[in-house]
Amino acid sequence: VQLVESGGGLVQPGGSLKLSCAASGFTFSTYRMSWYRQAPGKERERVAFITSIGEITNYPGSVRGRFTISRDNVKNTVYLQMNYLKPEDTAVYYCNAYKDGYAYWGQGTQVTVSS
């Protein structure tokens, strides 16, 4: 099983980034997918969730209206489009796959929002 995130980097406040997470080794289309983030000294928090076929998405208030999760079950990839980024969005971003008590994590990608 592998989840490989990409697309992180340094961006100015107000800018955008699109993260990708490529999955392999499991039946991607049957798993719920989420993006989490963890800033230094803080707990890991979920910032986006999508059901297995993408019919339902969910976001916390801190990112709602700015972040959009999507998935491509042909390419076995989940995405996180992040707009209007703020310095407080700086964190390591992880993708997560979950089904029936089984959870898989990627290695994370750093997002830094700074001028």
PDB file of N, CA and C in Angstrom:
ATOM      1  N   VAL A   1       0.853  -1.199   0.000  1.00  0.00           N
ATOM      2  CA  VAL A   1       0.000   0.000   0.000  1.00  0.00           C
ATOM      3  C   VAL A   1       0.884   1.243   0.000  1.00  0.00           C
ATOM      4  N   GLN A   2       0.547   2.158  -0.881  1.00  0.00           N
ATOM      5  CA  GLN A   2       1.287   3.426  -0.923  1.00  0.00           C
ATOM      6  C   GLN A   2       0.348   4.586  -1.161  1.00  0.00           C
ATOM      7  N   LEU A   3       0.592   5.668  -0.426  1.00  0.00           N
ATOM      8  CA  LEU A   3      -0.026   6.947  -0.684  1.00  0.00           C
ATOM      9  C   LEU A   3       1.109   7.950  -0.817  1.00  0.00           C
ATOM     10  N   VAL A   4       1.204   8.601  -1.957  1.00  0.00           N
ATOM     11  CA  VAL A   4       2.319   9.512  -2.209  1.00  0.00           C
ATOM     12  C   VAL A   4       1.777  10.898  -2.523  1.00  0.00           C
ATOM     13  N   GLU A   5       2.017  11.822  -1.589  1.00  0.00           N
ATOM     14  CA  GLU A   5       1.569  13.199  -1.772  1.00  0.00           C
ATOM     15  C   GLU A   5       2.599  13.997  -2.569  1.00  0.00           C
ATOM     16  N   SER A   6       2.103  14.982  -3.280  1.00  0.00           N
ATOM     17  CA  SER A   6       2.969  15.908  -4.005  1.00  0.00           C
ATOM     18  C   SER A   6       2.255  17.234  -4.159  1.00  0.00           C
ATOM     19  N   GLY A   7       3.014  18.259  -4.556  1.00  0.00           N
ATOM     20  CA  GLY A   7       2.416  19.553  -4.841  1.00  0.00           C
ATOM     21  C   GLY A   7       2.612  20.607  -3.774  1.00  0.00           C
ATOM     22  N   GLY A   8       3.220  20.240  -2.664  1.00  0.00           N
ATOM     23  CA  GLY A   8       3.481  21.227  -1.628  1.00  0.00           C
ATOM     24  C   GLY A   8       4.570  22.201  -2.039  1.00  0.00           C
ATOM     25  N   GLY A   9       4.753  23.222  -1.210  1.00  0.00           N
ATOM     26  CA  GLY A   9       5.793  24.202  -1.491  1.00  0.00           C
ATOM     27  C   GLY A   9       5.573  25.487  -0.732  1.00  0.00           C
ATOM     28  N   LEU A  10       6.286  26.516  -1.157  1.00  0.00           N
ATOM     29  CA  LEU A  10       6.194  27.841  -0.560  1.00  0.00           C
ATOM     30  C   LEU A  10       5.299  28.719  -1.424  1.00  0.00           C
ATOM     31  N   VAL A  11       4.352  29.372  -0.786  1.00  0.00           N
ATOM     32  CA  VAL A  11       3.423  30.241  -1.523  1.00  0.00           C
ATOM     33  C   VAL A  11       3.157  31.481  -0.681  1.00  0.00           C
ATOM     34  N   GLN A  12       2.890  32.592  -1.351  1.00  0.00           N
ATOM     35  CA  GLN A  12       2.581  33.831  -0.638  1.00  0.00           C
ATOM     36  C   GLN A  12       1.150  33.817  -0.136  1.00  0.00           C
ATOM     37  N   PRO A  13       0.876  34.560   0.916  1.00  0.00           N
ATOM     38  CA  PRO A  13      -0.515  34.680   1.380  1.00  0.00           C
ATOM     39  C   PRO A  13      -1.422  35.130   0.236  1.00  0.00           C
ATOM     40  N   GLY A  14      -2.584  34.495   0.173  1.00  0.00           N
ATOM     41  CA  GLY A  14      -3.520  34.772  -0.913  1.00  0.00           C
ATOM     42  C   GLY A  14      -3.325  33.910  -2.132  1.00  0.00           C
ATOM     43  N   GLY A  15      -2.252  33.149  -2.141  1.00  0.00           N
ATOM     44  CA  GLY A  15      -1.961  32.303  -3.285  1.00  0.00           C
ATOM     45  C   GLY A  15      -2.691  30.965  -3.233  1.00  0.00           C
ATOM     46  N   SER A  16      -2.381  30.116  -4.214  1.00  0.00           N
ATOM     47  CA  SER A  16      -3.033  28.818  -4.356  1.00  0.00           C
ATOM     48  C   SER A  16      -2.008  27.711  -4.536  1.00  0.00           C
ATOM     49  N   LEU A  17      -2.391  26.529  -4.121  1.00  0.00           N
ATOM     50  CA  LEU A  17      -1.632  25.310  -4.369  1.00  0.00           C
ATOM     51  C   LEU A  17      -2.624  24.190  -4.598  1.00  0.00           C
ATOM     52  N   LYS A  18      -2.201  23.191  -5.382  1.00  0.00           N
ATOM     53  CA  LYS A  18      -3.011  21.992  -5.553  1.00  0.00           C
ATOM     54  C   LYS A  18      -2.164  20.789  -5.170  1.00  0.00           C
ATOM     55  N   LEU A  19      -2.606  20.086  -4.154  1.00  0.00           N
ATOM     56  CA  LEU A  19      -1.937  18.874  -3.709  1.00  0.00           C
ATOM     57  C   LEU A  19      -2.534  17.665  -4.410  1.00  0.00           C
ATOM     58  N   SER A  20      -1.692  16.673  -4.643  1.00  0.00           N
ATOM     59  CA  SER A  20      -2.140  15.402  -5.201  1.00  0.00           C
ATOM     60  C   SER A  20      -1.675  14.278  -4.301  1.00  0.00           C
ATOM     61  N   CYS A  21      -2.441  13.199  -4.291  1.00  0.00           N
ATOM     62  CA  CYS A  21      -2.073  12.004  -3.541  1.00  0.00           C
ATOM     63  C   CYS A  21      -2.366  10.799  -4.430  1.00  0.00           C
ATOM     64  N   ALA A  22      -1.310  10.142  -4.866  1.00  0.00           N
ATOM     65  CA  ALA A  22      -1.447   8.974  -5.737  1.00  0.00           C
ATOM     66  C   ALA A  22      -1.457   7.716  -4.891  1.00  0.00           C
ATOM     67  N   ALA A  23      -2.464   6.893  -5.100  1.00  0.00           N
ATOM     68  CA  ALA A  23      -2.655   5.686  -4.298  1.00  0.00           C
ATOM     69  C   ALA A  23      -2.355   4.436  -5.108  1.00  0.00           C
ATOM     70  N   SER A  24      -1.847   3.429  -4.424  1.00  0.00           N
ATOM     71  CA  SER A  24      -1.612   2.134  -5.056  1.00  0.00           C
ATOM     72  C   SER A  24      -1.624   1.052  -4.001  1.00  0.00           C
ATOM     73  N   GLY A  25      -1.901  -0.175  -4.441  1.00  0.00           N
ATOM     74  CA  GLY A  25      -1.840  -1.308  -3.537  1.00  0.00           C
ATOM     75  C   GLY A  25      -3.127  -1.642  -2.819  1.00  0.00           C
ATOM     76  N   PHE A  26      -4.193  -0.910  -3.100  1.00  0.00           N
ATOM     77  CA  PHE A  26      -5.498  -1.221  -2.521  1.00  0.00           C
ATOM     78  C   PHE A  26      -6.574  -0.720  -3.482  1.00  0.00           C
ATOM     79  N   THR A  27      -7.813  -1.102  -3.209  1.00  0.00           N
ATOM     80  CA  THR A  27      -8.917  -0.734  -4.096  1.00  0.00           C
ATOM     81  C   THR A  27      -9.369   0.683  -3.765  1.00  0.00           C
ATOM     82  N   PHE A  28      -8.696   1.637  -4.381  1.00  0.00           N
ATOM     83  CA  PHE A  28      -8.878   3.058  -4.071  1.00  0.00           C
ATOM     84  C   PHE A  28     -10.344   3.484  -4.118  1.00  0.00           C
ATOM     85  N   SER A  29     -11.062   3.014  -5.102  1.00  0.00           N
ATOM     86  CA  SER A  29     -12.431   3.498  -5.326  1.00  0.00           C
ATOM     87  C   SER A  29     -13.403   3.095  -4.234  1.00  0.00           C
ATOM     88  N   THR A  30     -13.003   2.215  -3.326  1.00  0.00           N
ATOM     89  CA  THR A  30     -13.895   1.790  -2.245  1.00  0.00           C
ATOM     90  C   THR A  30     -13.553   2.458  -0.910  1.00  0.00           C
ATOM     91  N   TYR A  31     -12.523   3.286  -0.907  1.00  0.00           N
ATOM     92  CA  TYR A  31     -12.072   3.927   0.328  1.00  0.00           C
ATOM     93  C   TYR A  31     -12.506   5.377   0.400  1.00  0.00           C
ATOM     94  N   ARG A  32     -12.905   5.803   1.598  1.00  0.00           N
ATOM     95  CA  ARG A  32     -13.078   7.203   1.859  1.00  0.00           C
ATOM     96  C   ARG A  32     -11.686   7.843   1.960  1.00  0.00           C
ATOM     97  N   MET A  33     -11.568   9.050   1.465  1.00  0.00           N
ATOM     98  CA  MET A  33     -10.273   9.732   1.471  1.00  0.00           C
ATOM     99  C   MET A  33     -10.384  11.057   2.217  1.00  0.00           C
ATOM    100  N   SER A  34      -9.321  11.399   2.903  1.00  0.00           N
ATOM    101  CA  SER A  34      -9.266  12.659   3.633  1.00  0.00           C
ATOM    102  C   SER A  34      -7.890  13.291   3.476  1.00  0.00           C
ATOM    103  N   TRP A  35      -7.860  14.586   3.675  1.00  0.00           N
ATOM    104  CA  TRP A  35      -6.617  15.325   3.836  1.00  0.00           C
ATOM    105  C   TRP A  35      -6.565  15.831   5.274  1.00  0.00           C
ATOM    106  N   TYR A  36      -5.418  15.633   5.887  1.00  0.00           N
ATOM    107  CA  TYR A  36      -5.150  16.146   7.221  1.00  0.00           C
ATOM    108  C   TYR A  36      -3.948  17.087   7.142  1.00  0.00           C
ATOM    109  N   ARG A  37      -3.795  17.873   8.183  1.00  0.00           N
ATOM    110  CA  ARG A  37      -2.586  18.678   8.292  1.00  0.00           C
ATOM    111  C   ARG A  37      -2.116  18.723   9.741  1.00  0.00           C
ATOM    112  N   GLN A  38      -0.829  18.952   9.886  1.00  0.00           N
ATOM    113  CA  GLN A  38      -0.261  19.084  11.227  1.00  0.00           C
ATOM    114  C   GLN A  38       0.792  20.174  11.213  1.00  0.00           C
ATOM    115  N   ALA A  39       0.534  21.208  12.004  1.00  0.00           N
ATOM    116  CA  ALA A  39       1.479  22.300  12.166  1.00  0.00           C
ATOM    117  C   ALA A  39       2.372  22.010  13.374  1.00  0.00           C
ATOM    118  N   PRO A  40       3.557  22.603  13.425  1.00  0.00           N
ATOM    119  CA  PRO A  40       4.457  22.367  14.565  1.00  0.00           C
ATOM    120  C   PRO A  40       3.784  22.674  15.891  1.00  0.00           C
ATOM    121  N   GLY A  41       3.857  21.743  16.821  1.00  0.00           N
ATOM    122  CA  GLY A  41       3.295  21.945  18.139  1.00  0.00           C
ATOM    123  C   GLY A  41       1.793  21.804  18.232  1.00  0.00           C
ATOM    124  N   LYS A  42       1.159  21.399  17.126  1.00  0.00           N
ATOM    125  CA  LYS A  42      -0.306  21.261  17.118  1.00  0.00           C
ATOM    126  C   LYS A  42      -0.697  19.826  16.776  1.00  0.00           C
ATOM    127  N   GLU A  43      -1.933  19.489  17.113  1.00  0.00           N
ATOM    128  CA  GLU A  43      -2.450  18.172  16.784  1.00  0.00           C
ATOM    129  C   GLU A  43      -2.801  18.100  15.297  1.00  0.00           C
ATOM    130  N   ARG A  44      -2.765  16.876  14.780  1.00  0.00           N
ATOM    131  CA  ARG A  44      -3.178  16.670  13.399  1.00  0.00           C
ATOM    132  C   ARG A  44      -4.675  16.912  13.284  1.00  0.00           C
ATOM    133  N   GLU A  45      -5.101  17.657  12.266  1.00  0.00           N
ATOM    134  CA  GLU A  45      -6.521  17.951  12.077  1.00  0.00           C
ATOM    135  C   GLU A  45      -6.929  17.610  10.651  1.00  0.00           C
ATOM    136  N   ARG A  46      -8.162  17.162  10.511  1.00  0.00           N
ATOM    137  CA  ARG A  46      -8.675  16.861   9.181  1.00  0.00           C
ATOM    138  C   ARG A  46      -9.159  18.159   8.534  1.00  0.00           C
ATOM    139  N   VAL A  47      -8.796  18.362   7.284  1.00  0.00           N
ATOM    140  CA  VAL A  47      -9.212  19.582   6.583  1.00  0.00           C
ATOM    141  C   VAL A  47     -10.127  19.299   5.404  1.00  0.00           C
ATOM    142  N   ALA A  48     -10.265  18.044   5.011  1.00  0.00           N
ATOM    143  CA  ALA A  48     -11.171  17.731   3.906  1.00  0.00           C
ATOM    144  C   ALA A  48     -11.454  16.244   3.895  1.00  0.00           C
ATOM    145  N   PHE A  49     -12.660  15.895   3.475  1.00  0.00           N
ATOM    146  CA  PHE A  49     -13.118  14.498   3.434  1.00  0.00           C
ATOM    147  C   PHE A  49     -13.954  14.315   2.176  1.00  0.00           C
ATOM    148  N   ILE A  50     -13.809  13.132   1.584  1.00  0.00           N
ATOM    149  CA  ILE A  50     -14.631  12.810   0.417  1.00  0.00           C
ATOM    150  C   ILE A  50     -14.995  11.338   0.474  1.00  0.00           C
ATOM    151  N   THR A  51     -16.230  11.027   0.138  1.00  0.00           N
ATOM    152  CA  THR A  51     -16.676   9.643   0.129  1.00  0.00           C
ATOM    153  C   THR A  51     -16.087   8.894  -1.066  1.00  0.00           C
ATOM    154  N   SER A  52     -16.322   7.596  -1.080  1.00  0.00           N
ATOM    155  CA  SER A  52     -15.613   6.734  -2.032  1.00  0.00           C
ATOM    156  C   SER A  52     -15.880   7.074  -3.494  1.00  0.00           C
ATOM    157  N   ILE A  53     -17.119   7.508  -3.793  1.00  0.00           N
ATOM    158  CA  ILE A  53     -17.400   7.885  -5.186  1.00  0.00           C
ATOM    159  C   ILE A  53     -17.550   9.387  -5.343  1.00  0.00           C
ATOM    160  N   GLY A  54     -17.234  10.118  -4.293  1.00  0.00           N
ATOM    161  CA  GLY A  54     -17.157  11.566  -4.380  1.00  0.00           C
ATOM    162  C   GLY A  54     -18.458  12.315  -4.244  1.00  0.00           C
ATOM    163  N   GLU A  55     -19.508  11.639  -3.792  1.00  0.00           N
ATOM    164  CA  GLU A  55     -20.799  12.325  -3.731  1.00  0.00           C
ATOM    165  C   GLU A  55     -20.942  13.240  -2.530  1.00  0.00           C
ATOM    166  N   ILE A  56     -20.115  13.058  -1.530  1.00  0.00           N
ATOM    167  CA  ILE A  56     -20.180  13.888  -0.325  1.00  0.00           C
ATOM    168  C   ILE A  56     -18.774  14.366   0.017  1.00  0.00           C
ATOM    169  N   THR A  57     -18.677  15.640   0.319  1.00  0.00           N
ATOM    170  CA  THR A  57     -17.429  16.228   0.821  1.00  0.00           C
ATOM    171  C   THR A  57     -17.738  16.997   2.107  1.00  0.00           C
ATOM    172  N   ASN A  58     -16.710  17.208   2.895  1.00  0.00           N
ATOM    173  CA  ASN A  58     -16.901  17.895   4.173  1.00  0.00           C
ATOM    174  C   ASN A  58     -15.629  18.628   4.545  1.00  0.00           C
ATOM    175  N   TYR A  59     -15.803  19.814   5.140  1.00  0.00           N
ATOM    176  CA  TYR A  59     -14.653  20.638   5.519  1.00  0.00           C
ATOM    177  C   TYR A  59     -14.925  21.305   6.865  1.00  0.00           C
ATOM    178  N   PRO A  60     -13.890  21.534   7.653  1.00  0.00           N
ATOM    179  CA  PRO A  60     -14.092  22.343   8.859  1.00  0.00           C
ATOM    180  C   PRO A  60     -14.228  23.813   8.476  1.00  0.00           C
ATOM    181  N   GLY A  61     -14.724  24.584   9.404  1.00  0.00           N
ATOM    182  CA  GLY A  61     -14.965  25.995   9.133  1.00  0.00           C
ATOM    183  C   GLY A  61     -13.708  26.775   8.764  1.00  0.00           C
ATOM    184  N   SER A  62     -12.566  26.328   9.256  1.00  0.00           N
ATOM    185  CA  SER A  62     -11.324  27.057   9.027  1.00  0.00           C
ATOM    186  C   SER A  62     -10.901  27.078   7.557  1.00  0.00           C
ATOM    187  N   VAL A  63     -11.378  26.101   6.760  1.00  0.00           N
ATOM    188  CA  VAL A  63     -10.961  26.042   5.355  1.00  0.00           C
ATOM    189  C   VAL A  63     -12.144  26.052   4.392  1.00  0.00           C
ATOM    190  N   ARG A  64     -13.349  25.948   4.910  1.00  0.00           N
ATOM    191  CA  ARG A  64     -14.526  25.864   4.028  1.00  0.00           C
ATOM    192  C   ARG A  64     -14.613  27.102   3.142  1.00  0.00           C
ATOM    193  N   GLY A  65     -14.836  26.866   1.876  1.00  0.00           N
ATOM    194  CA  GLY A  65     -14.901  27.964   0.917  1.00  0.00           C
ATOM    195  C   GLY A  65     -13.565  28.292   0.291  1.00  0.00           C
ATOM    196  N   ARG A  66     -12.479  27.763   0.866  1.00  0.00           N
ATOM    197  CA  ARG A  66     -11.134  27.996   0.323  1.00  0.00           C
ATOM    198  C   ARG A  66     -10.503  26.718  -0.220  1.00  0.00           C
ATOM    199  N   PHE A  67     -10.793  25.574   0.410  1.00  0.00           N
ATOM    200  CA  PHE A  67     -10.217  24.297   0.013  1.00  0.00           C
ATOM    201  C   PHE A  67     -11.292  23.453  -0.680  1.00  0.00           C
ATOM    202  N   THR A  68     -10.872  22.686  -1.670  1.00  0.00           N
ATOM    203  CA  THR A  68     -11.780  21.778  -2.366  1.00  0.00           C
ATOM    204  C   THR A  68     -11.088  20.434  -2.564  1.00  0.00           C
ATOM    205  N   ILE A  69     -11.723  19.384  -2.088  1.00  0.00           N
ATOM    206  CA  ILE A  69     -11.210  18.034  -2.288  1.00  0.00           C
ATOM    207  C   ILE A  69     -11.935  17.407  -3.470  1.00  0.00           C
ATOM    208  N   SER A  70     -11.192  16.625  -4.239  1.00  0.00           N
ATOM    209  CA  SER A  70     -11.786  15.899  -5.352  1.00  0.00           C
ATOM    210  C   SER A  70     -11.003  14.604  -5.548  1.00  0.00           C
ATOM    211  N   ARG A  71     -11.550  13.700  -6.344  1.00  0.00           N
ATOM    212  CA  ARG A  71     -10.867  12.438  -6.579  1.00  0.00           C
ATOM    213  C   ARG A  71     -11.117  11.955  -7.993  1.00  0.00           C
ATOM    214  N   ASP A  72     -10.178  11.165  -8.475  1.00  0.00           N
ATOM    215  CA  ASP A  72     -10.300  10.531  -9.784  1.00  0.00           C
ATOM    216  C   ASP A  72     -10.080   9.041  -9.558  1.00  0.00           C
ATOM    217  N   ASN A  73     -11.160   8.285  -9.597  1.00  0.00           N
ATOM    218  CA  ASN A  73     -11.071   6.858  -9.302  1.00  0.00           C
ATOM    219  C   ASN A  73     -10.518   6.038 -10.466  1.00  0.00           C
ATOM    220  N   VAL A  74     -10.267   6.674 -11.577  1.00  0.00           N
ATOM    221  CA  VAL A  74      -9.567   6.012 -12.683  1.00  0.00           C
ATOM    222  C   VAL A  74      -8.055   6.166 -12.486  1.00  0.00           C
ATOM    223  N   LYS A  75      -7.639   7.351 -12.078  1.00  0.00           N
ATOM    224  CA  LYS A  75      -6.218   7.616 -11.849  1.00  0.00           C
ATOM    225  C   LYS A  75      -5.778   7.255 -10.432  1.00  0.00           C
ATOM    226  N   ASN A  76      -6.727   6.819  -9.587  1.00  0.00           N
ATOM    227  CA  ASN A  76      -6.416   6.476  -8.188  1.00  0.00           C
ATOM    228  C   ASN A  76      -5.708   7.629  -7.481  1.00  0.00           C
ATOM    229  N   THR A  77      -6.278   8.800  -7.629  1.00  0.00           N
ATOM    230  CA  THR A  77      -5.661   9.997  -7.085  1.00  0.00           C
ATOM    231  C   THR A  77      -6.715  10.874  -6.412  1.00  0.00           C
ATOM    232  N   VAL A  78      -6.327  11.458  -5.293  1.00  0.00           N
ATOM    233  CA  VAL A  78      -7.157  12.443  -4.613  1.00  0.00           C
ATOM    234  C   VAL A  78      -6.408  13.774  -4.618  1.00  0.00           C
ATOM    235  N   TYR A  79      -7.161  14.837  -4.734  1.00  0.00           N
ATOM    236  CA  TYR A  79      -6.582  16.173  -4.863  1.00  0.00           C
ATOM    237  C   TYR A  79      -7.093  17.091  -3.753  1.00  0.00           C
ATOM    238  N   LEU A  80      -6.315  18.121  -3.471  1.00  0.00           N
ATOM    239  CA  LEU A  80      -6.768  19.179  -2.579  1.00  0.00           C
ATOM    240  C   LEU A  80      -6.372  20.505  -3.207  1.00  0.00           C
ATOM    241  N   GLN A  81      -7.372  21.220  -3.704  1.00  0.00           N
ATOM    242  CA  GLN A  81      -7.154  22.558  -4.245  1.00  0.00           C
ATOM    243  C   GLN A  81      -7.277  23.555  -3.094  1.00  0.00           C
ATOM    244  N   MET A  82      -6.235  24.319  -2.875  1.00  0.00           N
ATOM    245  CA  MET A  82      -6.209  25.274  -1.769  1.00  0.00           C
ATOM    246  C   MET A  82      -6.053  26.677  -2.332  1.00  0.00           C
ATOM    247  N   ASN A  83      -7.043  27.516  -2.077  1.00  0.00           N
ATOM    248  CA  ASN A  83      -7.046  28.902  -2.552  1.00  0.00           C
ATOM    249  C   ASN A  83      -7.029  29.854  -1.367  1.00  0.00           C
ATOM    250  N   TYR A  84      -6.677  31.094  -1.649  1.00  0.00           N
ATOM    251  CA  TYR A  84      -6.664  32.142  -0.616  1.00  0.00           C
ATOM    252  C   TYR A  84      -5.915  31.669   0.630  1.00  0.00           C
ATOM    253  N   LEU A  85      -4.747  31.142   0.414  1.00  0.00           N
ATOM    254  CA  LEU A  85      -3.985  30.572   1.510  1.00  0.00           C
ATOM    255  C   LEU A  85      -3.554  31.637   2.503  1.00  0.00           C
ATOM    256  N   LYS A  86      -3.513  31.223   3.764  1.00  0.00           N
ATOM    257  CA  LYS A  86      -3.153  32.098   4.871  1.00  0.00           C
ATOM    258  C   LYS A  86      -1.914  31.538   5.561  1.00  0.00           C
ATOM    259  N   PRO A  87      -1.170  32.366   6.278  1.00  0.00           N
ATOM    260  CA  PRO A  87      -0.010  31.848   7.010  1.00  0.00           C
ATOM    261  C   PRO A  87      -0.382  30.716   7.963  1.00  0.00           C
ATOM    262  N   GLU A  88      -1.581  30.765   8.528  1.00  0.00           N
ATOM    263  CA  GLU A  88      -1.988  29.715   9.465  1.00  0.00           C
ATOM    264  C   GLU A  88      -2.301  28.394   8.767  1.00  0.00           C
ATOM    265  N   ASP A  89      -2.263  28.361   7.447  1.00  0.00           N
ATOM    266  CA  ASP A  89      -2.403  27.099   6.715  1.00  0.00           C
ATOM    267  C   ASP A  89      -1.068  26.359   6.614  1.00  0.00           C
ATOM    268  N   THR A  90      -0.006  26.977   7.067  1.00  0.00           N
ATOM    269  CA  THR A  90       1.307  26.335   7.030  1.00  0.00           C
ATOM    270  C   THR A  90       1.310  25.074   7.881  1.00  0.00           C
ATOM    271  N   ALA A  91       1.680  23.950   7.268  1.00  0.00           N
ATOM    272  CA  ALA A  91       1.655  22.655   7.943  1.00  0.00           C
ATOM    273  C   ALA A  91       2.188  21.590   6.993  1.00  0.00           C
ATOM    274  N   VAL A  92       2.379  20.410   7.533  1.00  0.00           N
ATOM    275  CA  VAL A  92       2.581  19.232   6.690  1.00  0.00           C
ATOM    276  C   VAL A  92       1.205  18.644   6.404  1.00  0.00           C
ATOM    277  N   TYR A  93       0.928  18.408   5.137  1.00  0.00           N
ATOM    278  CA  TYR A  93      -0.364  17.893   4.713  1.00  0.00           C
ATOM    279  C   TYR A  93      -0.233  16.408   4.356  1.00  0.00           C
ATOM    280  N   TYR A  94      -1.157  15.611   4.892  1.00  0.00           N
ATOM    281  CA  TYR A  94      -1.149  14.170   4.705  1.00  0.00           C
ATOM    282  C   TYR A  94      -2.452  13.708   4.065  1.00  0.00           C
ATOM    283  N   CYS A  95      -2.372  12.735   3.184  1.00  0.00           N
ATOM    284  CA  CYS A  95      -3.613  12.118   2.742  1.00  0.00           C
ATOM    285  C   CYS A  95      -3.820  10.817   3.505  1.00  0.00           C
ATOM    286  N   ASN A  96      -5.080  10.466   3.631  1.00  0.00           N
ATOM    287  CA  ASN A  96      -5.509   9.323   4.437  1.00  0.00           C
ATOM    288  C   ASN A  96      -6.571   8.556   3.684  1.00  0.00           C
ATOM    289  N   ALA A  97      -6.448   7.244   3.708  1.00  0.00           N
ATOM    290  CA  ALA A  97      -7.472   6.357   3.138  1.00  0.00           C
ATOM    291  C   ALA A  97      -8.074   5.557   4.276  1.00  0.00           C
ATOM    292  N   TYR A  98      -9.397   5.424   4.280  1.00  0.00           N
ATOM    293  CA  TYR A  98     -10.064   4.722   5.385  1.00  0.00           C
ATOM    294  C   TYR A  98     -11.216   3.871   4.873  1.00  0.00           C
ATOM    295  N   LYS A  99     -11.286   2.624   5.420  1.00  0.00           N
ATOM    296  CA  LYS A  99     -12.421   1.744   5.137  1.00  0.00           C
ATOM    297  C   LYS A  99     -12.438   0.636   6.159  1.00  0.00           C
ATOM    298  N   ASP A 100     -13.576   0.470   6.809  1.00  0.00           N
ATOM    299  CA  ASP A 100     -13.804  -0.674   7.701  1.00  0.00           C
ATOM    300  C   ASP A 100     -12.688  -0.868   8.731  1.00  0.00           C
ATOM    301  N   GLY A 101     -12.242   0.221   9.325  1.00  0.00           N
ATOM    302  CA  GLY A 101     -11.231   0.131  10.357  1.00  0.00           C
ATOM    303  C   GLY A 101      -9.799   0.114   9.869  1.00  0.00           C
ATOM    304  N   TYR A 102      -9.629   0.042   8.560  1.00  0.00           N
ATOM    305  CA  TYR A 102      -8.284   0.090   7.988  1.00  0.00           C
ATOM    306  C   TYR A 102      -7.982   1.522   7.554  1.00  0.00           C
ATOM    307  N   ALA A 103      -6.818   2.017   7.967  1.00  0.00           N
ATOM    308  CA  ALA A 103      -6.412   3.373   7.616  1.00  0.00           C
ATOM    309  C   ALA A 103      -4.983   3.368   7.095  1.00  0.00           C
ATOM    310  N   TYR A 104      -4.760   4.100   6.022  1.00  0.00           N
ATOM    311  CA  TYR A 104      -3.434   4.233   5.440  1.00  0.00           C
ATOM    312  C   TYR A 104      -3.088   5.714   5.357  1.00  0.00           C
ATOM    313  N   TRP A 105      -1.786   5.992   5.528  1.00  0.00           N
ATOM    314  CA  TRP A 105      -1.315   7.376   5.512  1.00  0.00           C
ATOM    315  C   TRP A 105      -0.182   7.546   4.511  1.00  0.00           C
ATOM    316  N   GLY A 106      -0.110   8.724   3.930  1.00  0.00           N
ATOM    317  CA  GLY A 106       1.039   9.091   3.135  1.00  0.00           C
ATOM    318  C   GLY A 106       2.129   9.668   4.017  1.00  0.00           C
ATOM    319  N   GLN A 107       3.231  10.043   3.379  1.00  0.00           N
ATOM    320  CA  GLN A 107       4.385  10.540   4.132  1.00  0.00           C
ATOM    321  C   GLN A 107       4.301  12.044   4.390  1.00  0.00           C
ATOM    322  N   GLY A 108       3.400  12.716   3.714  1.00  0.00           N
ATOM    323  CA  GLY A 108       3.189  14.139   3.944  1.00  0.00           C
ATOM    324  C   GLY A 108       3.938  15.017   2.958  1.00  0.00           C
ATOM    325  N   THR A 109       3.392  16.210   2.754  1.00  0.00           N
ATOM    326  CA  THR A 109       4.043  17.219   1.923  1.00  0.00           C
ATOM    327  C   THR A 109       3.934  18.566   2.642  1.00  0.00           C
ATOM    328  N   GLN A 110       5.022  19.302   2.657  1.00  0.00           N
ATOM    329  CA  GLN A 110       5.074  20.564   3.395  1.00  0.00           C
ATOM    330  C   GLN A 110       4.441  21.684   2.587  1.00  0.00           C
ATOM    331  N   VAL A 111       3.571  22.427   3.234  1.00  0.00           N
ATOM    332  CA  VAL A 111       3.002  23.649   2.666  1.00  0.00           C
ATOM    333  C   VAL A 111       3.384  24.805   3.577  1.00  0.00           C
ATOM    334  N   THR A 112       4.033  25.806   3.013  1.00  0.00           N
ATOM    335  CA  THR A 112       4.442  26.982   3.773  1.00  0.00           C
ATOM    336  C   THR A 112       3.865  28.217   3.115  1.00  0.00           C
ATOM    337  N   VAL A 113       3.113  28.981   3.897  1.00  0.00           N
ATOM    338  CA  VAL A 113       2.499  30.205   3.393  1.00  0.00           C
ATOM    339  C   VAL A 113       3.195  31.379   4.078  1.00  0.00           C
ATOM    340  N   SER A 114       3.946  32.112   3.299  1.00  0.00           N
ATOM    341  CA  SER A 114       4.739  33.191   3.875  1.00  0.00           C
ATOM    342  C   SER A 114       5.115  34.193   2.795  1.00  0.00           C
ATOM    343  N   SER A 115       5.230  35.447   3.207  1.00  0.00           N
ATOM    344  CA  SER A 115       5.681  36.474   2.277  1.00  0.00           C
ATOM    345  C   SER A 115       7.189  36.684   2.383  1.00  0.00           C
TER     346      SER A 115
END
